[in-house]
Amino acid sequence: MSKGLQLYSEQRKSWPEEGKHFLAHRCGEDILTLYQAYKPSIAKVAVEKQSLSASSEFSERRMTWVKPGFLWMMYRSGWASKSNQERILAINVRASWLFEALKKDSVVSTVGKTRDHNIVVQWDPDHDWNGAKKIRKAIQIGLRGRIAAEFAAGASGPAVVSIEDITSFVENMRDNVVAVGKEAVEQHLLVPVEEVWDLDDELQDVLCMR
């Protein structure tokens, strides 16, 4: 996790203050990072086998929620401190796979029947390093059915390029920076570089971004 990091105090200057944006870390021409939090036993197998479905504890019958926003994931998991969310995985996926799946098989939870689609999208307030809500909206993506199976297949499937456990980085930031307070955060908090992805008009319409 040493590459693609920037001081939070600098990174936030490039982020929009409001509106709906697909804000994500770019780790290749067609690769972006999604985050999930799991209990240690699932995360261990997922990284070793480069596949979530390799763990007998992972259930494809449940909705799998992924988040492209690092700080949203930190809010949700309490910086990897909540029960069964002690391990943070950075899952690098093919952007073309994700965006095509969103176009063909997704619905925003507030506008359609979610049972008719394999992807459910939610727009929620983004969160700051300390959990404070932002005006800007962040996207959460729920996967199930065929799409969840493709995602869970890991590096052997069409979706995932690699799976990395970034828990040690998260714990270092949590214990040595976030826990200290605002002054430490301003000077030392590192976060993955995230940019606003330029989505085409069709996808923006599907995601109710306009």
N, C-alpha and C. Protein backbone atom coordinates (compact mmCIF):
# COMPACT_ATOMS: atom_id res chain seq x y z
N MET A 1 0.83 -1.21 0.00
CA MET A 1 0.00 0.00 0.00
C MET A 1 0.87 1.25 0.00
N SER A 2 2.12 1.10 -0.36
CA SER A 2 3.03 2.25 -0.36
C SER A 2 2.85 3.13 -1.60
N LYS A 3 2.31 2.54 -2.69
CA LYS A 3 2.11 3.29 -3.91
C LYS A 3 0.71 3.88 -3.95
N GLY A 4 0.60 5.01 -4.63
CA GLY A 4 -0.71 5.60 -4.82
C GLY A 4 -1.30 6.25 -3.59
N LEU A 5 -0.44 6.69 -2.66
CA LEU A 5 -0.92 7.34 -1.45
C LEU A 5 -0.59 8.83 -1.49
N GLN A 6 -1.40 9.60 -0.79
CA GLN A 6 -1.17 11.04 -0.70
C GLN A 6 -1.70 11.53 0.65
N LEU A 7 -1.12 12.59 1.14
CA LEU A 7 -1.63 13.18 2.37
C LEU A 7 -3.10 13.57 2.19
N TYR A 8 -3.91 13.21 3.16
CA TYR A 8 -5.33 13.55 3.13
C TYR A 8 -5.53 15.06 2.98
N SER A 9 -4.71 15.83 3.67
CA SER A 9 -4.85 17.29 3.63
C SER A 9 -4.66 17.85 2.23
N GLU A 10 -3.90 17.14 1.39
CA GLU A 10 -3.71 17.56 0.00
C GLU A 10 -4.77 16.92 -0.91
N GLN A 11 -5.05 15.66 -0.67
CA GLN A 11 -5.98 14.92 -1.50
C GLN A 11 -7.37 15.55 -1.50
N ARG A 12 -7.85 15.97 -0.36
CA ARG A 12 -9.22 16.48 -0.26
C ARG A 12 -9.43 17.74 -1.09
N LYS A 13 -8.36 18.45 -1.41
CA LYS A 13 -8.47 19.67 -2.20
C LYS A 13 -8.97 19.38 -3.61
N SER A 14 -8.74 18.16 -4.09
CA SER A 14 -9.13 17.80 -5.45
C SER A 14 -10.50 17.13 -5.51
N TRP A 15 -11.10 16.86 -4.36
CA TRP A 15 -12.39 16.18 -4.33
C TRP A 15 -13.54 17.19 -4.39
N PRO A 16 -14.62 16.87 -5.11
CA PRO A 16 -15.78 17.77 -5.15
C PRO A 16 -16.40 17.90 -3.76
N GLU A 17 -16.98 19.04 -3.49
CA GLU A 17 -17.62 19.27 -2.19
C GLU A 17 -19.05 18.73 -2.15
N GLU A 18 -19.71 18.63 -3.32
CA GLU A 18 -21.10 18.19 -3.35
C GLU A 18 -21.37 17.45 -4.65
N GLY A 19 -22.58 16.89 -4.76
CA GLY A 19 -22.96 16.16 -5.94
C GLY A 19 -22.67 14.67 -5.83
N LYS A 20 -23.12 13.91 -6.85
CA LYS A 20 -22.86 12.48 -6.92
C LYS A 20 -21.68 12.23 -7.84
N HIS A 21 -20.68 11.54 -7.32
CA HIS A 21 -19.46 11.30 -8.08
C HIS A 21 -18.97 9.88 -7.87
N PHE A 22 -18.46 9.28 -8.95
CA PHE A 22 -17.80 7.97 -8.83
C PHE A 22 -16.34 8.27 -8.55
N LEU A 23 -16.01 8.31 -7.27
CA LEU A 23 -14.68 8.67 -6.80
C LEU A 23 -13.96 7.39 -6.42
N ALA A 24 -12.85 7.08 -7.11
CA ALA A 24 -12.18 5.80 -6.87
C ALA A 24 -10.69 5.89 -7.20
N HIS A 25 -9.95 4.95 -6.62
CA HIS A 25 -8.52 4.85 -6.86
C HIS A 25 -8.27 4.13 -8.18
N ARG A 26 -7.46 4.73 -9.04
CA ARG A 26 -7.09 4.13 -10.31
C ARG A 26 -5.72 3.47 -10.16
N CYS A 27 -5.66 2.16 -10.36
CA CYS A 27 -4.37 1.48 -10.23
C CYS A 27 -3.93 0.84 -11.54
N GLY A 28 -4.51 1.28 -12.63
CA GLY A 28 -4.15 0.82 -13.96
C GLY A 28 -5.07 1.47 -14.96
N GLU A 29 -4.76 1.32 -16.26
CA GLU A 29 -5.56 1.97 -17.30
C GLU A 29 -7.02 1.56 -17.21
N ASP A 30 -7.28 0.29 -16.91
CA ASP A 30 -8.65 -0.21 -16.83
C ASP A 30 -8.89 -0.90 -15.49
N ILE A 31 -8.23 -0.40 -14.45
CA ILE A 31 -8.32 -1.06 -13.14
C ILE A 31 -8.63 -0.03 -12.06
N LEU A 32 -9.64 -0.32 -11.26
CA LEU A 32 -9.94 0.53 -10.12
C LEU A 32 -10.08 -0.35 -8.87
N THR A 33 -10.02 0.29 -7.71
CA THR A 33 -10.04 -0.43 -6.44
C THR A 33 -11.38 -0.31 -5.75
N LEU A 34 -11.90 -1.46 -5.29
CA LEU A 34 -13.08 -1.52 -4.45
C LEU A 34 -12.66 -2.07 -3.09
N TYR A 35 -13.35 -1.65 -2.04
CA TYR A 35 -12.98 -2.06 -0.68
C TYR A 35 -14.09 -2.88 -0.04
N GLN A 36 -13.65 -3.86 0.75
CA GLN A 36 -14.56 -4.65 1.58
C GLN A 36 -13.88 -4.95 2.91
N ALA A 37 -14.70 -5.16 3.94
CA ALA A 37 -14.19 -5.53 5.26
C ALA A 37 -14.72 -6.91 5.62
N TYR A 38 -13.83 -7.76 6.11
CA TYR A 38 -14.21 -9.13 6.46
C TYR A 38 -13.57 -9.55 7.77
N LYS A 39 -14.06 -10.65 8.30
CA LYS A 39 -13.39 -11.23 9.45
C LYS A 39 -12.11 -11.90 8.98
N PRO A 40 -11.13 -12.08 9.88
CA PRO A 40 -9.80 -12.56 9.48
C PRO A 40 -9.80 -13.86 8.70
N SER A 41 -10.64 -14.82 9.08
CA SER A 41 -10.60 -16.13 8.43
C SER A 41 -10.98 -16.04 6.95
N ILE A 42 -11.97 -15.22 6.61
CA ILE A 42 -12.35 -15.06 5.21
C ILE A 42 -11.27 -14.31 4.43
N ALA A 43 -10.77 -13.23 5.02
CA ALA A 43 -9.76 -12.42 4.34
C ALA A 43 -8.50 -13.22 4.06
N LYS A 44 -8.09 -14.04 5.00
CA LYS A 44 -6.86 -14.83 4.84
C LYS A 44 -6.94 -15.74 3.62
N VAL A 45 -8.03 -16.47 3.50
CA VAL A 45 -8.20 -17.38 2.37
C VAL A 45 -8.34 -16.60 1.07
N ALA A 46 -9.08 -15.50 1.10
CA ALA A 46 -9.30 -14.69 -0.10
C ALA A 46 -7.99 -14.20 -0.68
N VAL A 47 -7.08 -13.76 0.18
CA VAL A 47 -5.79 -13.26 -0.30
C VAL A 47 -4.91 -14.41 -0.77
N GLU A 48 -4.88 -15.49 -0.01
CA GLU A 48 -4.04 -16.63 -0.38
C GLU A 48 -4.46 -17.23 -1.72
N LYS A 49 -5.75 -17.38 -1.92
CA LYS A 49 -6.29 -18.00 -3.13
C LYS A 49 -6.67 -16.98 -4.20
N GLN A 50 -6.59 -15.69 -3.86
CA GLN A 50 -7.02 -14.62 -4.76
C GLN A 50 -8.46 -14.84 -5.24
N SER A 51 -9.29 -15.25 -4.30
CA SER A 51 -10.70 -15.50 -4.61
C SER A 51 -11.51 -15.50 -3.32
N LEU A 52 -12.60 -14.75 -3.30
CA LEU A 52 -13.48 -14.75 -2.14
C LEU A 52 -14.22 -16.07 -2.01
N SER A 53 -14.62 -16.63 -3.12
CA SER A 53 -15.38 -17.87 -3.08
C SER A 53 -14.55 -19.06 -2.61
N ALA A 54 -13.24 -18.89 -2.52
CA ALA A 54 -12.38 -19.97 -2.02
C ALA A 54 -12.61 -20.24 -0.54
N SER A 55 -13.16 -19.24 0.17
CA SER A 55 -13.46 -19.41 1.59
C SER A 55 -14.82 -20.05 1.77
N SER A 56 -14.89 -21.12 2.55
CA SER A 56 -16.16 -21.79 2.81
C SER A 56 -17.11 -20.92 3.62
N GLU A 57 -16.57 -19.87 4.25
CA GLU A 57 -17.39 -18.97 5.07
C GLU A 57 -18.03 -17.87 4.24
N PHE A 58 -17.55 -17.67 3.02
CA PHE A 58 -18.12 -16.64 2.16
C PHE A 58 -19.39 -17.15 1.50
N SER A 59 -20.46 -16.40 1.61
CA SER A 59 -21.74 -16.81 1.05
C SER A 59 -22.12 -15.96 -0.15
N GLU A 60 -22.26 -16.60 -1.30
CA GLU A 60 -22.70 -15.89 -2.50
C GLU A 60 -24.21 -15.66 -2.49
N ARG A 61 -24.90 -16.23 -1.53
CA ARG A 61 -26.35 -16.02 -1.44
C ARG A 61 -26.69 -14.67 -0.81
N ARG A 62 -25.73 -14.09 -0.12
CA ARG A 62 -25.95 -12.78 0.49
C ARG A 62 -25.49 -11.67 -0.45
N MET A 63 -26.10 -10.51 -0.31
CA MET A 63 -25.67 -9.36 -1.09
C MET A 63 -24.25 -8.98 -0.68
N THR A 64 -23.38 -8.80 -1.67
CA THR A 64 -22.00 -8.40 -1.42
C THR A 64 -21.87 -6.92 -1.72
N TRP A 65 -21.62 -6.12 -0.68
CA TRP A 65 -21.51 -4.67 -0.85
C TRP A 65 -20.05 -4.26 -0.99
N VAL A 66 -19.78 -3.49 -2.04
CA VAL A 66 -18.43 -2.99 -2.27
C VAL A 66 -18.47 -1.47 -2.32
N LYS A 67 -17.35 -0.87 -1.97
CA LYS A 67 -17.26 0.58 -1.91
C LYS A 67 -15.98 1.04 -2.57
N PRO A 68 -16.05 1.98 -3.52
CA PRO A 68 -14.83 2.53 -4.10
C PRO A 68 -14.19 3.62 -3.23
N GLY A 69 -14.90 4.09 -2.22
CA GLY A 69 -14.40 5.15 -1.36
C GLY A 69 -13.67 4.60 -0.13
N PHE A 70 -12.39 4.91 -0.02
CA PHE A 70 -11.60 4.41 1.11
C PHE A 70 -12.13 4.93 2.44
N LEU A 71 -12.38 6.23 2.55
CA LEU A 71 -12.83 6.78 3.83
C LEU A 71 -14.24 6.32 4.17
N TRP A 72 -15.07 6.04 3.16
CA TRP A 72 -16.39 5.47 3.45
C TRP A 72 -16.22 4.09 4.09
N MET A 73 -15.26 3.32 3.57
CA MET A 73 -15.01 2.00 4.15
C MET A 73 -14.45 2.12 5.55
N MET A 74 -13.65 3.14 5.79
CA MET A 74 -13.12 3.35 7.15
C MET A 74 -14.24 3.71 8.11
N TYR A 75 -15.18 4.51 7.66
CA TYR A 75 -16.35 4.84 8.49
C TYR A 75 -17.15 3.59 8.80
N ARG A 76 -17.40 2.79 7.78
CA ARG A 76 -18.25 1.60 7.94
C ARG A 76 -17.61 0.57 8.87
N SER A 77 -16.30 0.43 8.79
CA SER A 77 -15.61 -0.60 9.58
C SER A 77 -15.00 -0.07 10.86
N GLY A 78 -15.14 1.24 11.11
CA GLY A 78 -14.48 1.82 12.28
C GLY A 78 -12.97 1.69 12.19
N TRP A 79 -12.44 1.94 10.99
CA TRP A 79 -11.01 1.77 10.75
C TRP A 79 -10.57 0.37 11.18
N ALA A 80 -11.30 -0.64 10.70
CA ALA A 80 -10.98 -2.05 10.94
C ALA A 80 -11.06 -2.44 12.41
N SER A 81 -11.99 -1.83 13.14
CA SER A 81 -12.11 -2.14 14.57
C SER A 81 -13.41 -2.85 14.92
N LYS A 82 -14.37 -2.91 13.99
CA LYS A 82 -15.66 -3.53 14.30
C LYS A 82 -15.59 -5.05 14.14
N SER A 83 -16.46 -5.71 14.88
CA SER A 83 -16.51 -7.17 14.84
C SER A 83 -16.81 -7.68 13.44
N ASN A 84 -16.04 -8.67 13.01
CA ASN A 84 -16.16 -9.29 11.68
C ASN A 84 -15.81 -8.34 10.55
N GLN A 85 -15.19 -7.21 10.88
CA GLN A 85 -14.71 -6.26 9.87
C GLN A 85 -13.26 -5.87 10.17
N GLU A 86 -12.53 -6.79 10.76
CA GLU A 86 -11.18 -6.48 11.22
C GLU A 86 -10.12 -6.52 10.11
N ARG A 87 -10.49 -7.02 8.96
CA ARG A 87 -9.55 -7.08 7.84
C ARG A 87 -10.13 -6.30 6.66
N ILE A 88 -9.33 -5.40 6.14
CA ILE A 88 -9.75 -4.58 5.00
C ILE A 88 -9.08 -5.10 3.74
N LEU A 89 -9.89 -5.44 2.75
CA LEU A 89 -9.37 -5.91 1.47
C LEU A 89 -9.53 -4.83 0.41
N ALA A 90 -8.46 -4.63 -0.35
CA ALA A 90 -8.51 -3.78 -1.53
C ALA A 90 -8.60 -4.72 -2.72
N ILE A 91 -9.72 -4.68 -3.41
CA ILE A 91 -9.97 -5.61 -4.50
C ILE A 91 -9.91 -4.82 -5.81
N ASN A 92 -8.89 -5.11 -6.59
CA ASN A 92 -8.67 -4.39 -7.84
C ASN A 92 -9.44 -5.09 -8.96
N VAL A 93 -10.36 -4.35 -9.57
CA VAL A 93 -11.24 -4.93 -10.58
C VAL A 93 -11.08 -4.21 -11.91
N ARG A 94 -11.51 -4.89 -12.96
CA ARG A 94 -11.50 -4.28 -14.29
C ARG A 94 -12.65 -3.28 -14.37
N ALA A 95 -12.31 -2.03 -14.61
CA ALA A 95 -13.33 -0.99 -14.67
C ALA A 95 -14.34 -1.27 -15.78
N SER A 96 -13.86 -1.79 -16.91
CA SER A 96 -14.76 -2.07 -18.03
C SER A 96 -15.80 -3.12 -17.64
N TRP A 97 -15.40 -4.13 -16.86
CA TRP A 97 -16.34 -5.14 -16.39
C TRP A 97 -17.40 -4.50 -15.48
N LEU A 98 -16.95 -3.69 -14.53
CA LEU A 98 -17.86 -3.08 -13.58
C LEU A 98 -18.83 -2.14 -14.26
N PHE A 99 -18.33 -1.28 -15.12
CA PHE A 99 -19.20 -0.28 -15.75
C PHE A 99 -20.21 -0.93 -16.70
N GLU A 100 -19.78 -1.98 -17.41
CA GLU A 100 -20.71 -2.68 -18.30
C GLU A 100 -21.79 -3.39 -17.49
N ALA A 101 -21.40 -4.00 -16.38
CA ALA A 101 -22.37 -4.67 -15.52
C ALA A 101 -23.37 -3.67 -14.94
N LEU A 102 -22.88 -2.51 -14.55
CA LEU A 102 -23.76 -1.47 -14.02
C LEU A 102 -24.77 -1.02 -15.08
N LYS A 103 -24.33 -0.88 -16.30
CA LYS A 103 -25.23 -0.45 -17.37
C LYS A 103 -26.34 -1.48 -17.62
N LYS A 104 -25.97 -2.75 -17.62
CA LYS A 104 -26.90 -3.80 -18.05
C LYS A 104 -27.78 -4.35 -16.93
N ASP A 105 -27.29 -4.29 -15.68
CA ASP A 105 -27.98 -5.08 -14.66
C ASP A 105 -28.06 -4.39 -13.31
N SER A 106 -28.14 -3.04 -13.29
CA SER A 106 -28.19 -2.34 -12.01
C SER A 106 -29.42 -1.46 -11.90
N VAL A 107 -29.76 -1.16 -10.65
CA VAL A 107 -30.85 -0.23 -10.38
C VAL A 107 -30.49 0.56 -9.14
N VAL A 108 -30.79 1.84 -9.13
CA VAL A 108 -30.62 2.65 -7.93
C VAL A 108 -31.76 2.32 -6.97
N SER A 109 -31.43 2.07 -5.74
CA SER A 109 -32.39 1.53 -4.77
C SER A 109 -33.63 2.39 -4.60
N THR A 110 -33.54 3.67 -4.87
CA THR A 110 -34.67 4.57 -4.64
C THR A 110 -35.60 4.71 -5.84
N VAL A 111 -35.25 4.07 -6.98
CA VAL A 111 -36.05 4.34 -8.18
C VAL A 111 -36.62 3.09 -8.85
N GLY A 112 -36.24 1.90 -8.43
CA GLY A 112 -36.73 0.71 -9.12
C GLY A 112 -36.85 -0.49 -8.21
N LYS A 113 -37.39 -1.58 -8.77
CA LYS A 113 -37.53 -2.84 -8.02
C LYS A 113 -36.18 -3.54 -7.97
N THR A 114 -35.62 -3.59 -6.80
CA THR A 114 -34.26 -4.13 -6.67
C THR A 114 -34.20 -5.62 -6.93
N ARG A 115 -35.30 -6.34 -6.73
CA ARG A 115 -35.27 -7.80 -6.92
C ARG A 115 -35.09 -8.18 -8.39
N ASP A 116 -35.29 -7.25 -9.30
CA ASP A 116 -35.20 -7.54 -10.73
C ASP A 116 -33.79 -7.36 -11.28
N HIS A 117 -32.86 -7.00 -10.42
CA HIS A 117 -31.50 -6.72 -10.88
C HIS A 117 -30.47 -7.40 -9.98
N ASN A 118 -29.31 -7.70 -10.57
CA ASN A 118 -28.22 -8.31 -9.81
C ASN A 118 -27.29 -7.30 -9.15
N ILE A 119 -27.51 -6.01 -9.46
CA ILE A 119 -26.71 -4.95 -8.83
C ILE A 119 -27.66 -3.89 -8.29
N VAL A 120 -27.47 -3.54 -7.03
CA VAL A 120 -28.25 -2.48 -6.40
C VAL A 120 -27.29 -1.36 -6.01
N VAL A 121 -27.62 -0.16 -6.42
CA VAL A 121 -26.77 1.01 -6.15
C VAL A 121 -27.42 1.90 -5.11
N GLN A 122 -26.63 2.36 -4.18
CA GLN A 122 -27.09 3.34 -3.19
C GLN A 122 -26.16 4.54 -3.19
N TRP A 123 -26.77 5.71 -3.10
CA TRP A 123 -26.01 6.95 -2.92
C TRP A 123 -26.22 7.43 -1.49
N ASP A 124 -25.14 7.55 -0.75
CA ASP A 124 -25.20 7.97 0.64
C ASP A 124 -24.21 9.10 0.86
N PRO A 125 -24.40 9.89 1.92
CA PRO A 125 -23.41 10.92 2.22
C PRO A 125 -22.03 10.30 2.39
N ASP A 126 -21.05 10.90 1.76
CA ASP A 126 -19.67 10.47 1.98
C ASP A 126 -19.28 10.85 3.40
N HIS A 127 -18.17 10.31 3.89
CA HIS A 127 -17.75 10.57 5.27
C HIS A 127 -16.30 11.01 5.33
N ASP A 128 -16.03 11.84 6.30
CA ASP A 128 -14.67 12.32 6.53
C ASP A 128 -13.89 11.28 7.33
N TRP A 129 -12.64 11.58 7.64
CA TRP A 129 -11.77 10.65 8.37
C TRP A 129 -12.33 10.29 9.75
N ASN A 130 -13.11 11.21 10.34
CA ASN A 130 -13.66 10.99 11.69
C ASN A 130 -15.12 10.57 11.67
N GLY A 131 -15.64 10.23 10.49
CA GLY A 131 -17.01 9.78 10.38
C GLY A 131 -18.02 10.87 10.10
N ALA A 132 -17.60 12.11 10.08
CA ALA A 132 -18.52 13.22 9.83
C ALA A 132 -19.07 13.15 8.40
N LYS A 133 -20.38 13.39 8.27
CA LYS A 133 -21.01 13.34 6.96
C LYS A 133 -20.59 14.52 6.09
N LYS A 134 -20.47 14.24 4.80
CA LYS A 134 -20.18 15.28 3.82
C LYS A 134 -21.44 15.53 2.98
N ILE A 135 -21.48 16.67 2.33
CA ILE A 135 -22.57 16.95 1.41
C ILE A 135 -22.44 16.07 0.16
N ARG A 136 -21.21 15.84 -0.25
CA ARG A 136 -20.95 14.99 -1.41
C ARG A 136 -21.51 13.58 -1.19
N LYS A 137 -22.08 12.99 -2.25
CA LYS A 137 -22.63 11.64 -2.16
C LYS A 137 -21.61 10.61 -2.67
N ALA A 138 -21.54 9.50 -1.95
CA ALA A 138 -20.65 8.39 -2.32
C ALA A 138 -21.49 7.20 -2.73
N ILE A 139 -20.96 6.40 -3.64
CA ILE A 139 -21.70 5.26 -4.16
C ILE A 139 -21.34 3.98 -3.40
N GLN A 140 -22.36 3.19 -3.13
CA GLN A 140 -22.19 1.82 -2.63
C GLN A 140 -22.83 0.90 -3.66
N ILE A 141 -22.20 -0.25 -3.89
CA ILE A 141 -22.66 -1.15 -4.93
C ILE A 141 -22.87 -2.53 -4.34
N GLY A 142 -24.11 -3.00 -4.41
CA GLY A 142 -24.45 -4.33 -3.91
C GLY A 142 -24.50 -5.34 -5.05
N LEU A 143 -23.80 -6.45 -4.91
CA LEU A 143 -23.72 -7.46 -5.95
C LEU A 143 -24.39 -8.75 -5.48
N ARG A 144 -25.08 -9.42 -6.39
CA ARG A 144 -25.65 -10.72 -6.09
C ARG A 144 -25.79 -11.51 -7.39
N GLY A 145 -26.21 -12.76 -7.26
CA GLY A 145 -26.45 -13.59 -8.44
C GLY A 145 -25.22 -13.77 -9.30
N ARG A 146 -25.44 -13.70 -10.60
CA ARG A 146 -24.35 -13.91 -11.57
C ARG A 146 -23.21 -12.93 -11.39
N ILE A 147 -23.53 -11.67 -11.13
CA ILE A 147 -22.49 -10.66 -10.98
C ILE A 147 -21.65 -10.92 -9.73
N ALA A 148 -22.31 -11.29 -8.64
CA ALA A 148 -21.59 -11.60 -7.41
C ALA A 148 -20.67 -12.80 -7.61
N ALA A 149 -21.14 -13.80 -8.38
CA ALA A 149 -20.33 -14.98 -8.64
C ALA A 149 -19.09 -14.64 -9.45
N GLU A 150 -19.25 -13.78 -10.44
CA GLU A 150 -18.09 -13.35 -11.23
C GLU A 150 -17.08 -12.59 -10.36
N PHE A 151 -17.60 -11.76 -9.48
CA PHE A 151 -16.74 -11.00 -8.58
C PHE A 151 -16.03 -11.91 -7.59
N ALA A 152 -16.77 -12.84 -7.00
CA ALA A 152 -16.22 -13.72 -5.98
C ALA A 152 -15.21 -14.71 -6.54
N ALA A 153 -15.28 -14.97 -7.84
CA ALA A 153 -14.35 -15.91 -8.46
C ALA A 153 -12.91 -15.42 -8.39
N GLY A 154 -12.76 -14.12 -8.20
CA GLY A 154 -11.42 -13.57 -8.04
C GLY A 154 -10.62 -13.52 -9.33
N ALA A 155 -9.32 -13.72 -9.21
CA ALA A 155 -8.41 -13.55 -10.34
C ALA A 155 -8.64 -14.55 -11.45
N SER A 156 -9.39 -15.63 -11.19
CA SER A 156 -9.68 -16.61 -12.22
C SER A 156 -10.91 -16.25 -13.04
N GLY A 157 -11.60 -15.20 -12.65
CA GLY A 157 -12.82 -14.78 -13.33
C GLY A 157 -12.62 -13.52 -14.15
N PRO A 158 -13.70 -12.96 -14.69
CA PRO A 158 -13.61 -11.80 -15.58
C PRO A 158 -13.51 -10.46 -14.87
N ALA A 159 -13.72 -10.44 -13.55
CA ALA A 159 -13.86 -9.17 -12.84
C ALA A 159 -12.60 -8.72 -12.12
N VAL A 160 -12.03 -9.60 -11.33
CA VAL A 160 -10.98 -9.23 -10.38
C VAL A 160 -9.59 -9.46 -10.94
N VAL A 161 -8.73 -8.47 -10.73
CA VAL A 161 -7.32 -8.57 -11.13
C VAL A 161 -6.48 -9.09 -9.96
N SER A 162 -6.72 -8.56 -8.77
CA SER A 162 -5.96 -8.97 -7.60
C SER A 162 -6.68 -8.56 -6.32
N ILE A 163 -6.34 -9.25 -5.23
CA ILE A 163 -6.90 -8.96 -3.91
C ILE A 163 -5.75 -8.73 -2.95
N GLU A 164 -5.79 -7.61 -2.25
CA GLU A 164 -4.72 -7.24 -1.31
C GLU A 164 -5.30 -6.95 0.06
N ASP A 165 -4.65 -7.46 1.08
CA ASP A 165 -5.02 -7.15 2.46
C ASP A 165 -4.26 -5.89 2.88
N ILE A 166 -4.98 -4.80 3.13
CA ILE A 166 -4.34 -3.53 3.48
C ILE A 166 -4.55 -3.20 4.96
N THR A 167 -4.86 -4.21 5.75
CA THR A 167 -5.19 -3.98 7.16
C THR A 167 -4.05 -3.35 7.93
N SER A 168 -2.83 -3.76 7.68
CA SER A 168 -1.69 -3.20 8.44
C SER A 168 -1.56 -1.70 8.19
N PHE A 169 -1.80 -1.28 6.96
CA PHE A 169 -1.78 0.16 6.65
C PHE A 169 -2.90 0.88 7.39
N VAL A 170 -4.11 0.30 7.35
CA VAL A 170 -5.26 0.90 8.02
C VAL A 170 -5.00 1.02 9.52
N GLU A 171 -4.50 -0.03 10.13
CA GLU A 171 -4.23 -0.01 11.57
C GLU A 171 -3.17 1.01 11.92
N ASN A 172 -2.16 1.15 11.08
CA ASN A 172 -1.11 2.14 11.32
C ASN A 172 -1.69 3.55 11.31
N MET A 173 -2.54 3.84 10.31
CA MET A 173 -3.17 5.15 10.24
C MET A 173 -4.12 5.36 11.42
N ARG A 174 -4.87 4.34 11.77
CA ARG A 174 -5.84 4.43 12.87
C ARG A 174 -5.15 4.70 14.20
N ASP A 175 -4.15 3.92 14.52
CA ASP A 175 -3.54 3.97 15.85
C ASP A 175 -2.55 5.11 16.02
N ASN A 176 -1.87 5.47 14.94
CA ASN A 176 -0.80 6.47 15.06
C ASN A 176 -1.17 7.85 14.53
N VAL A 177 -2.29 7.95 13.85
CA VAL A 177 -2.68 9.25 13.29
C VAL A 177 -4.11 9.62 13.70
N VAL A 178 -5.08 8.81 13.30
CA VAL A 178 -6.49 9.14 13.55
C VAL A 178 -6.78 9.24 15.04
N ALA A 179 -6.23 8.31 15.82
CA ALA A 179 -6.49 8.30 17.26
C ALA A 179 -5.89 9.50 17.97
N VAL A 180 -4.89 10.10 17.36
CA VAL A 180 -4.21 11.24 17.98
C VAL A 180 -5.05 12.50 17.85
N GLY A 181 -5.73 12.67 16.70
CA GLY A 181 -6.60 13.82 16.55
C GLY A 181 -6.34 14.64 15.31
N LYS A 182 -7.06 15.75 15.20
CA LYS A 182 -7.10 16.54 13.98
C LYS A 182 -5.73 17.03 13.54
N GLU A 183 -4.91 17.50 14.47
CA GLU A 183 -3.60 18.03 14.08
C GLU A 183 -2.74 16.96 13.43
N ALA A 184 -2.76 15.76 14.00
CA ALA A 184 -2.00 14.65 13.43
C ALA A 184 -2.54 14.27 12.06
N VAL A 185 -3.87 14.28 11.94
CA VAL A 185 -4.50 13.95 10.67
C VAL A 185 -4.06 14.90 9.58
N GLU A 186 -4.09 16.18 9.88
CA GLU A 186 -3.72 17.19 8.89
C GLU A 186 -2.28 17.02 8.41
N GLN A 187 -1.43 16.55 9.28
CA GLN A 187 0.00 16.45 8.95
C GLN A 187 0.43 15.09 8.45
N HIS A 188 -0.27 14.01 8.87
CA HIS A 188 0.28 12.68 8.62
C HIS A 188 -0.66 11.66 8.00
N LEU A 189 -1.97 11.94 7.95
CA LEU A 189 -2.88 10.93 7.43
C LEU A 189 -2.68 10.74 5.93
N LEU A 190 -2.38 9.50 5.55
CA LEU A 190 -2.25 9.14 4.15
C LEU A 190 -3.51 8.38 3.72
N VAL A 191 -3.96 8.65 2.50
CA VAL A 191 -5.10 7.94 1.94
C VAL A 191 -4.78 7.60 0.49
N PRO A 192 -5.42 6.56 -0.05
CA PRO A 192 -5.23 6.26 -1.47
C PRO A 192 -5.68 7.43 -2.34
N VAL A 193 -4.93 7.69 -3.38
CA VAL A 193 -5.31 8.76 -4.31
C VAL A 193 -6.59 8.34 -5.03
N GLU A 194 -7.62 9.16 -4.90
CA GLU A 194 -8.90 8.88 -5.56
C GLU A 194 -9.26 10.02 -6.49
N GLU A 195 -9.78 9.67 -7.64
CA GLU A 195 -10.15 10.66 -8.64
C GLU A 195 -11.58 10.44 -9.09
N VAL A 196 -12.18 11.48 -9.63
CA VAL A 196 -13.51 11.36 -10.20
C VAL A 196 -13.41 10.73 -11.57
N TRP A 197 -14.06 9.58 -11.73
CA TRP A 197 -14.05 8.89 -13.01
C TRP A 197 -15.07 9.54 -13.95
N ASP A 198 -14.66 9.72 -15.20
CA ASP A 198 -15.51 10.35 -16.19
C ASP A 198 -16.39 9.28 -16.84
N LEU A 199 -17.59 9.11 -16.33
CA LEU A 199 -18.51 8.09 -16.83
C LEU A 199 -19.30 8.64 -18.02
N ASP A 200 -19.62 7.75 -18.96
CA ASP A 200 -20.36 8.21 -20.13
C ASP A 200 -21.81 8.54 -19.75
N ASP A 201 -22.50 9.20 -20.67
CA ASP A 201 -23.85 9.70 -20.39
C ASP A 201 -24.81 8.57 -20.03
N GLU A 202 -24.70 7.44 -20.73
CA GLU A 202 -25.60 6.32 -20.46
C GLU A 202 -25.46 5.82 -19.04
N LEU A 203 -24.23 5.67 -18.61
CA LEU A 203 -24.00 5.16 -17.25
C LEU A 203 -24.42 6.19 -16.20
N GLN A 204 -24.17 7.46 -16.48
CA GLN A 204 -24.62 8.49 -15.54
C GLN A 204 -26.14 8.47 -15.39
N ASP A 205 -26.83 8.22 -16.48
CA ASP A 205 -28.29 8.14 -16.41
C ASP A 205 -28.75 6.92 -15.62
N VAL A 206 -28.12 5.78 -15.87
CA VAL A 206 -28.47 4.56 -15.14
C VAL A 206 -28.26 4.75 -13.63
N LEU A 207 -27.19 5.46 -13.27
CA LEU A 207 -26.86 5.66 -11.87
C LEU A 207 -27.52 6.89 -11.25
N CYS A 208 -28.40 7.55 -12.02
CA CYS A 208 -29.13 8.73 -11.54
C CYS A 208 -28.18 9.80 -11.03
N MET A 209 -27.16 10.08 -11.80
CA MET A 209 -26.16 11.06 -11.38
C MET A 209 -26.48 12.45 -11.91
N ARG A 210 -27.46 12.57 -12.80
CA ARG A 210 -27.75 13.87 -13.40
C ARG A 210 -29.21 14.24 -13.18
